[in-house]
Amino acid sequence: MTAGVKTLAAARTIVVIDWPSRDVSDTLVRAGFAVFVRGGPRDEDFSEFRIENGEVVAQRTGHAPPHADIVYCHRPLAELPSIAALAARLGAKMIWSQSGLDADGARDPKGCWASQADLDAMRHTAESAGLAFVSEPYIGDAARALRRHA
C-alpha cells in the first residue's frame, strides 16, 4: 500500500477542488468519506456532498469544513500555491493532485500523467507548505479498493 493510499485509508474528510469527472466526488462519498467540494474560487464556494435515498447530492454550505485530512485537486500547476495554503489552513496532511491526462497527453478521467518537471514543482509546493504530495493512483480507484477491503 502506497503512502497516499495509507493516508486515504486513515482519512475522514476530503476537500475536492475540481475533478476530471464526477466519479471522483461520487466515489469518495460512496466510500464513506465526508466530502466537501469547492465549486469556485471564493471561500464561500463550498458544498457538502452526501448520500440521500441512495443518490449523491450536494448542499451548499457557503464555507469550508473546519478540517480536512486530504485536499484533492484537478487544477493547473499555477493554482497549487493557493491550494496548498488552503490545505494547510484546514490541517490537511496531503494534497492529492490529478492531471486527468494519459501518458500521451490525451484527456482521461482516470489519467494521472504529468511531466517530471511538473511533478517536481507540485511536490516542492506541497512540501514547502508542510504537506505530502500524491499524484497517483487515481483516487477513485483507490477509494473503491479501500471500500472493498473495509
Protein backbone atom coordinates (compact mmCIF):
# COMPACT_ATOMS: atom_id res chain seq x y z
CA MET A 1 0.00 0.00 0.00
CA THR A 2 1.47 3.36 -1.03
CA ALA A 3 1.80 6.26 1.43
CA GLY A 4 -1.03 8.07 -0.38
CA VAL A 5 -3.39 5.13 -0.08
CA LYS A 6 -2.46 4.71 3.61
CA THR A 7 -3.30 8.37 4.22
CA LEU A 8 -6.57 7.92 2.30
CA ALA A 9 -7.41 4.86 4.43
CA ALA A 10 -6.97 6.93 7.59
CA ALA A 11 -8.81 10.00 6.26
CA ARG A 12 -12.31 11.06 7.19
CA THR A 13 -12.77 14.39 5.39
CA ILE A 14 -11.68 15.27 1.87
CA VAL A 15 -11.95 18.63 0.14
CA VAL A 16 -12.27 18.32 -3.63
CA ILE A 17 -11.24 21.21 -5.86
CA ASP A 18 -12.44 20.40 -9.37
CA TRP A 19 -12.33 16.95 -10.98
CA PRO A 20 -11.92 15.34 -14.39
CA SER A 21 -15.24 13.53 -13.86
CA ARG A 22 -17.97 13.40 -11.23
CA ASP A 23 -16.74 9.87 -10.43
CA VAL A 24 -14.19 11.46 -8.06
CA SER A 25 -16.69 13.08 -5.69
CA ASP A 26 -19.32 10.37 -6.01
CA THR A 27 -16.89 7.53 -5.35
CA LEU A 28 -15.39 9.27 -2.33
CA VAL A 29 -18.86 9.85 -0.84
CA ARG A 30 -19.93 6.26 -1.53
CA ALA A 31 -16.70 5.02 0.09
CA GLY A 32 -17.77 6.74 3.31
CA PHE A 33 -15.74 9.93 3.31
CA ALA A 34 -17.12 13.34 4.28
CA VAL A 35 -16.67 15.24 1.01
CA PHE A 36 -16.71 19.00 0.57
CA VAL A 37 -16.34 20.47 -2.90
CA ARG A 38 -15.07 23.96 -3.62
CA GLY A 39 -17.04 24.92 -6.70
CA GLY A 40 -15.42 28.28 -7.33
CA PRO A 41 -12.51 30.50 -6.31
CA ARG A 42 -14.11 32.13 -3.26
CA ASP A 43 -14.04 30.86 0.32
CA GLU A 44 -17.84 30.65 0.31
CA ASP A 45 -17.99 28.41 -2.79
CA PHE A 46 -18.26 25.16 -0.81
CA SER A 47 -20.84 22.40 -0.88
CA GLU A 48 -21.09 19.18 1.09
CA PHE A 49 -21.73 16.03 -0.93
CA ARG A 50 -23.57 13.20 0.79
CA ILE A 51 -25.90 10.30 0.06
CA GLU A 52 -29.66 10.78 0.31
CA ASN A 53 -32.02 7.99 -0.73
CA GLY A 54 -29.16 6.17 -2.43
CA GLU A 55 -28.13 9.17 -4.56
CA VAL A 56 -25.19 11.54 -4.16
CA VAL A 57 -26.49 15.06 -3.59
CA ALA A 58 -24.81 18.39 -2.97
CA GLN A 59 -25.85 21.01 -0.46
CA ARG A 60 -24.19 24.40 -0.49
CA THR A 61 -22.57 25.20 2.87
CA GLY A 62 -21.07 28.57 1.99
CA HIS A 63 -17.89 27.76 3.90
CA ALA A 64 -15.03 25.28 4.05
CA PRO A 65 -15.21 22.47 6.57
CA PRO A 66 -13.36 23.15 9.83
CA HIS A 67 -10.85 20.43 9.00
CA ALA A 68 -9.79 18.23 6.08
CA ASP A 69 -7.41 15.30 6.02
CA ILE A 70 -6.77 15.45 2.26
CA VAL A 71 -7.25 18.13 -0.37
CA TYR A 72 -7.76 16.62 -3.81
CA CYS A 73 -7.35 18.90 -6.81
CA HIS A 74 -7.60 18.85 -10.57
CA ARG A 75 -6.30 22.35 -11.25
CA PRO A 76 -3.36 23.88 -13.13
CA LEU A 77 0.08 23.99 -11.52
CA ALA A 78 -0.13 27.79 -11.18
CA GLU A 79 -3.04 27.39 -8.72
CA LEU A 80 -1.23 24.94 -6.45
CA PRO A 81 0.26 27.54 -4.06
CA SER A 82 -3.21 28.81 -3.10
CA ILE A 83 -4.50 25.22 -2.87
CA ALA A 84 -1.57 24.33 -0.60
CA ALA A 85 -2.35 27.34 1.58
CA LEU A 86 -5.98 26.22 1.89
CA ALA A 87 -4.89 22.65 2.69
CA ALA A 88 -2.51 23.86 5.40
CA ARG A 89 -5.22 26.14 6.85
CA LEU A 90 -7.59 23.14 7.05
CA GLY A 91 -4.97 20.98 8.76
CA ALA A 92 -4.69 18.56 5.84
CA LYS A 93 -1.80 16.17 5.67
CA MET A 94 -1.75 15.78 1.91
CA ILE A 95 -2.55 17.22 -1.48
CA TRP A 96 -3.67 14.60 -3.99
CA SER A 97 -3.46 16.09 -7.47
CA GLN A 98 -4.69 14.51 -10.68
CA SER A 99 -3.93 15.72 -14.18
CA GLY A 100 -6.75 13.95 -15.99
CA LEU A 101 -4.30 13.11 -18.78
CA ASP A 102 -2.88 9.82 -20.04
CA ALA A 103 0.80 9.29 -20.93
CA ASP A 104 0.15 10.62 -24.45
CA GLY A 105 -1.34 13.84 -23.09
CA ALA A 106 -4.90 12.91 -24.08
CA ARG A 107 -7.78 13.62 -21.71
CA ASP A 108 -8.53 10.65 -19.49
CA PRO A 109 -10.85 10.98 -16.47
CA LYS A 110 -8.69 8.46 -14.60
CA GLY A 111 -5.40 9.75 -16.00
CA CYS A 112 -2.62 10.72 -13.62
CA TRP A 113 0.21 11.52 -16.01
CA ALA A 114 2.23 14.71 -15.56
CA SER A 115 5.69 15.68 -16.73
CA GLN A 116 8.52 15.09 -14.29
CA ALA A 117 9.14 18.85 -14.14
CA ASP A 118 5.50 19.49 -13.19
CA LEU A 119 5.53 16.68 -10.62
CA ASP A 120 8.72 18.07 -9.07
CA ALA A 121 7.21 21.58 -8.91
CA MET A 122 3.95 20.31 -7.39
CA ARG A 123 5.78 18.19 -4.83
CA HIS A 124 8.01 21.14 -3.88
CA THR A 125 4.99 23.43 -3.46
CA ALA A 126 3.16 20.91 -1.28
CA GLU A 127 6.18 20.04 0.83
CA SER A 128 7.02 23.74 1.30
CA ALA A 129 3.59 24.06 2.93
CA GLY A 130 4.28 21.04 5.18
CA LEU A 131 2.11 18.68 3.13
CA ALA A 132 2.71 15.35 1.46
CA PHE A 133 2.02 15.17 -2.26
CA VAL A 134 0.42 12.35 -4.27
CA SER A 135 -0.45 12.24 -7.96
CA GLU A 136 -1.29 8.57 -8.43
CA PRO A 137 -3.06 6.20 -8.34
CA TYR A 138 -6.43 7.58 -9.47
CA ILE A 139 -8.17 8.46 -6.20
CA GLY A 140 -11.49 6.91 -7.29
CA ASP A 141 -9.86 3.52 -7.84
CA ALA A 142 -8.01 3.80 -4.52
CA ALA A 143 -11.24 4.64 -2.68
CA ARG A 144 -13.10 1.73 -4.32
CA ALA A 145 -10.29 -0.66 -3.37
CA LEU A 146 -10.37 0.53 0.25
CA ARG A 147 -14.13 0.13 0.37
CA ARG A 148 -13.84 -3.47 -0.81
CA HIS A 149 -11.30 -4.21 1.94
CA ALA A 150 -13.17 -2.42 4.73
